[in-house]
Amino acid sequence: MGREGTVRPGGFTLVEAVVSMLILGGLGVAVMSTVGAAGASRQQVVERSRAQALATDLLSEVLSKAYADPEVGLGMIGRDAGEAADRAQFDDVDDYHGWAETPPKEIDGNAIAWATGLTRSVRVNWVTPGSLNGTSGTGTWLKRVEVVVSRSGKTLAKATGLRAYAFDLSNLTLDEALVKELEP
């Protein structure tokens, strides 16, 4: 009821309508910010997953190579004199040391279309079994390979593996007495 005997019509006043619009506008901004942040987060997850796949793929390739150069034998870490910087020509694990490419490519040289802007790099170090995270300045029978995928210097993914020297046991013969001891 308004003044004496007058009835006020139902509805919103102008002030109530403006306040409602401000509240709804604020909620709309909050919702859109949340949706935008979720989209950006999803994009980061996709990029990190792809980066991890790139790192793991290259690590598998590196670890499939010989421990040491088949032609030179045990030597220093890195490519030997006269060896090409062409990844398709790498024949041992440490040929990859210090190698990097932007954008990442397949071993045949074809660029990976979705990897534009990413960089893959490899480090190879000698390690000792007692200190797998440290490095050894001298040759050991164990090498740690680390592949890093980054964008603009920021690491997105890392894959690490070990490659051990495989001793050639094909020329060894067992003592007959030892064989008899081992027989059931």
Protein backbone atom coordinates (compact mmCIF):
# COMPACT_ATOMS: atom_id res chain seq x y z
CA MET A 1 0.00 0.00 0.00
CA GLY A 2 1.17 3.45 -0.85
CA ARG A 3 -0.51 6.57 0.42
CA GLU A 4 -3.81 6.36 2.11
CA GLY A 5 -6.19 4.38 0.02
CA THR A 6 -3.87 3.99 -3.02
CA VAL A 7 -2.51 0.68 -4.08
CA ARG A 8 0.96 0.56 -5.54
CA PRO A 9 1.25 -1.54 -8.70
CA GLY A 10 3.54 -4.64 -8.50
CA GLY A 11 6.88 -4.80 -10.32
CA PHE A 12 10.44 -3.60 -10.06
CA THR A 13 11.58 -0.11 -9.54
CA LEU A 14 14.30 1.27 -11.78
CA VAL A 15 16.86 0.94 -8.98
CA GLU A 16 15.98 -2.73 -8.43
CA ALA A 17 16.29 -3.44 -12.16
CA VAL A 18 19.74 -1.76 -12.33
CA VAL A 19 21.01 -3.67 -9.28
CA SER A 20 19.76 -6.95 -10.78
CA MET A 21 21.53 -6.20 -14.06
CA LEU A 22 24.79 -5.43 -12.24
CA ILE A 23 24.60 -8.69 -10.30
CA LEU A 24 23.84 -10.72 -13.45
CA GLY A 25 26.62 -8.92 -15.35
CA GLY A 26 29.12 -9.75 -12.59
CA LEU A 27 28.05 -13.40 -12.61
CA GLY A 28 28.39 -13.49 -16.40
CA VAL A 29 31.95 -12.15 -16.21
CA ALA A 30 32.83 -14.73 -13.53
CA VAL A 31 31.40 -17.57 -15.61
CA MET A 32 33.23 -16.45 -18.77
CA SER A 33 36.52 -16.12 -16.83
CA THR A 34 36.10 -19.66 -15.51
CA VAL A 35 35.33 -21.05 -18.97
CA GLY A 36 38.35 -19.21 -20.41
CA ALA A 37 40.66 -20.50 -17.69
CA ALA A 38 39.42 -24.06 -18.22
CA GLY A 39 40.11 -23.76 -21.95
CA ALA A 40 43.63 -22.45 -21.34
CA SER A 41 44.28 -25.21 -18.81
CA ARG A 42 43.08 -27.84 -21.28
CA GLN A 43 45.43 -26.42 -23.93
CA GLN A 44 48.37 -26.65 -21.50
CA VAL A 45 47.53 -30.27 -20.71
CA VAL A 46 47.37 -31.13 -24.42
CA GLU A 47 50.68 -29.37 -25.11
CA ARG A 48 52.45 -31.08 -22.19
CA SER A 49 51.09 -34.48 -23.27
CA ARG A 50 52.35 -33.95 -26.81
CA ALA A 51 55.70 -32.73 -25.48
CA GLN A 52 56.02 -35.85 -23.32
CA ALA A 53 55.28 -38.04 -26.34
CA LEU A 54 58.01 -36.22 -28.32
CA ALA A 55 60.52 -36.67 -25.48
CA THR A 56 59.70 -40.36 -24.98
CA ASP A 57 59.84 -41.06 -28.71
CA LEU A 58 63.31 -39.52 -29.09
CA LEU A 59 64.56 -41.22 -25.91
CA SER A 60 63.50 -44.60 -27.33
CA GLU A 61 65.36 -43.81 -30.53
CA VAL A 62 68.55 -42.82 -28.65
CA LEU A 63 68.50 -45.86 -26.35
CA SER A 64 68.13 -48.18 -29.34
CA LYS A 65 71.61 -47.16 -30.55
CA ALA A 66 74.91 -48.80 -29.57
CA TYR A 67 76.57 -47.74 -26.31
CA ALA A 68 79.76 -46.78 -28.15
CA ASP A 69 80.69 -46.00 -31.74
CA PRO A 70 81.00 -49.33 -33.62
CA GLU A 71 83.88 -47.98 -35.69
CA VAL A 72 85.83 -46.08 -33.02
CA GLY A 73 84.98 -47.92 -29.83
CA LEU A 74 84.82 -46.32 -26.39
CA GLY A 75 85.75 -42.68 -26.56
CA MET A 76 84.53 -39.30 -25.45
CA ILE A 77 80.91 -38.17 -25.15
CA GLY A 78 79.69 -36.53 -28.37
CA ARG A 79 80.14 -37.06 -32.08
CA ASP A 80 83.58 -38.23 -33.14
CA ALA A 81 85.67 -36.25 -35.62
CA GLY A 82 84.27 -36.54 -39.10
CA GLU A 83 80.83 -37.76 -37.99
CA ALA A 84 77.91 -35.94 -39.58
CA ALA A 85 75.48 -33.87 -37.53
CA ASP A 86 72.65 -35.62 -39.41
CA ARG A 87 70.48 -37.50 -36.93
CA ALA A 88 69.78 -40.24 -39.49
CA GLN A 89 73.54 -41.02 -39.44
CA PHE A 90 73.90 -41.28 -35.64
CA ASP A 91 75.14 -44.77 -34.77
CA ASP A 92 75.67 -44.60 -31.01
CA VAL A 93 74.07 -43.03 -27.93
CA ASP A 94 76.52 -40.20 -27.38
CA ASP A 95 76.26 -38.94 -30.98
CA TYR A 96 73.06 -37.28 -29.72
CA HIS A 97 74.87 -35.32 -26.97
CA GLY A 98 74.29 -31.59 -27.44
CA TRP A 99 71.95 -32.16 -30.37
CA ALA A 100 68.81 -30.01 -30.64
CA GLU A 101 66.18 -29.24 -33.25
CA THR A 102 63.43 -26.66 -33.71
CA PRO A 103 60.81 -27.66 -34.72
CA PRO A 104 61.03 -31.37 -33.94
CA LYS A 105 61.29 -33.64 -36.96
CA GLU A 106 60.95 -37.32 -37.68
CA ILE A 107 64.23 -39.17 -38.23
CA ASP A 108 63.70 -38.88 -42.00
CA GLY A 109 63.74 -35.07 -41.71
CA ASN A 110 60.01 -34.42 -42.09
CA ALA A 111 58.75 -31.75 -39.70
CA ILE A 112 56.10 -32.76 -37.18
CA ALA A 113 53.28 -30.35 -38.10
CA TRP A 114 51.74 -29.94 -34.64
CA ALA A 115 55.14 -29.39 -32.97
CA THR A 116 55.85 -25.92 -34.41
CA GLY A 117 57.56 -23.71 -31.83
CA LEU A 118 58.85 -26.65 -29.75
CA THR A 119 62.51 -27.58 -29.30
CA ARG A 120 63.93 -31.03 -28.52
CA SER A 121 67.39 -31.29 -27.02
CA VAL A 122 69.52 -34.18 -25.76
CA ARG A 123 72.23 -34.51 -23.13
CA VAL A 124 74.29 -37.65 -22.58
CA ASN A 125 76.53 -38.12 -19.53
CA TRP A 126 78.49 -40.92 -17.93
CA VAL A 127 77.12 -41.90 -14.54
CA THR A 128 78.06 -44.36 -11.86
CA PRO A 129 75.56 -46.85 -10.43
CA GLY A 130 75.89 -45.23 -7.00
CA SER A 131 74.98 -41.78 -8.34
CA LEU A 132 72.56 -41.98 -11.25
CA ASN A 133 71.60 -38.31 -10.94
CA GLY A 134 75.19 -37.09 -10.83
CA THR A 135 77.72 -37.18 -13.64
CA SER A 136 81.13 -38.75 -13.98
CA GLY A 137 83.96 -36.94 -15.73
CA THR A 138 85.51 -40.22 -16.81
CA GLY A 139 84.19 -43.08 -18.88
CA THR A 140 81.98 -45.60 -17.14
CA TRP A 141 79.90 -48.49 -18.43
CA LEU A 142 76.70 -46.51 -17.87
CA LYS A 143 75.32 -43.44 -19.69
CA ARG A 144 72.33 -41.33 -18.73
CA VAL A 145 70.35 -39.85 -21.63
CA GLU A 146 68.08 -36.89 -20.98
CA VAL A 147 65.68 -35.52 -23.60
CA VAL A 148 64.04 -32.15 -22.93
CA VAL A 149 61.16 -30.63 -24.90
CA SER A 150 60.70 -26.90 -24.42
CA ARG A 151 58.94 -23.84 -25.80
CA SER A 152 60.72 -20.47 -25.57
CA GLY A 153 63.18 -21.89 -23.03
CA LYS A 154 60.45 -23.23 -20.71
CA THR A 155 60.64 -27.00 -20.14
CA LEU A 156 57.39 -28.76 -20.99
CA ALA A 157 58.53 -32.39 -20.71
CA LYS A 158 61.57 -34.45 -19.88
CA ALA A 159 62.41 -38.11 -20.44
CA THR A 160 65.45 -39.82 -18.94
CA GLY A 161 66.91 -43.27 -19.52
CA LEU A 162 70.06 -45.29 -18.95
CA ARG A 163 72.15 -47.14 -21.53
CA ALA A 164 74.66 -49.71 -20.27
CA TYR A 165 77.69 -51.10 -22.04
CA ALA A 166 76.95 -54.64 -23.23
CA PHE A 167 79.93 -56.91 -22.82
CA ASP A 168 80.53 -59.45 -25.57
CA LEU A 169 80.33 -62.84 -23.90
CA SER A 170 80.21 -64.88 -27.09
CA ASN A 171 83.89 -65.92 -26.88
CA LEU A 172 83.73 -67.12 -23.29
CA THR A 173 83.66 -70.82 -22.51
CA LEU A 174 82.65 -72.34 -19.21
CA ASP A 175 85.02 -74.57 -17.33
CA GLU A 176 83.72 -78.17 -17.55
CA ALA A 177 84.01 -78.60 -13.78
CA LEU A 178 81.86 -75.53 -13.25
CA VAL A 179 79.29 -76.82 -15.72
CA LYS A 180 79.08 -80.13 -13.80
CA GLU A 181 78.54 -78.21 -10.56
CA LEU A 182 75.71 -76.24 -12.12
CA GLU A 183 73.93 -79.31 -13.50
CA PRO A 184 71.08 -80.64 -11.35
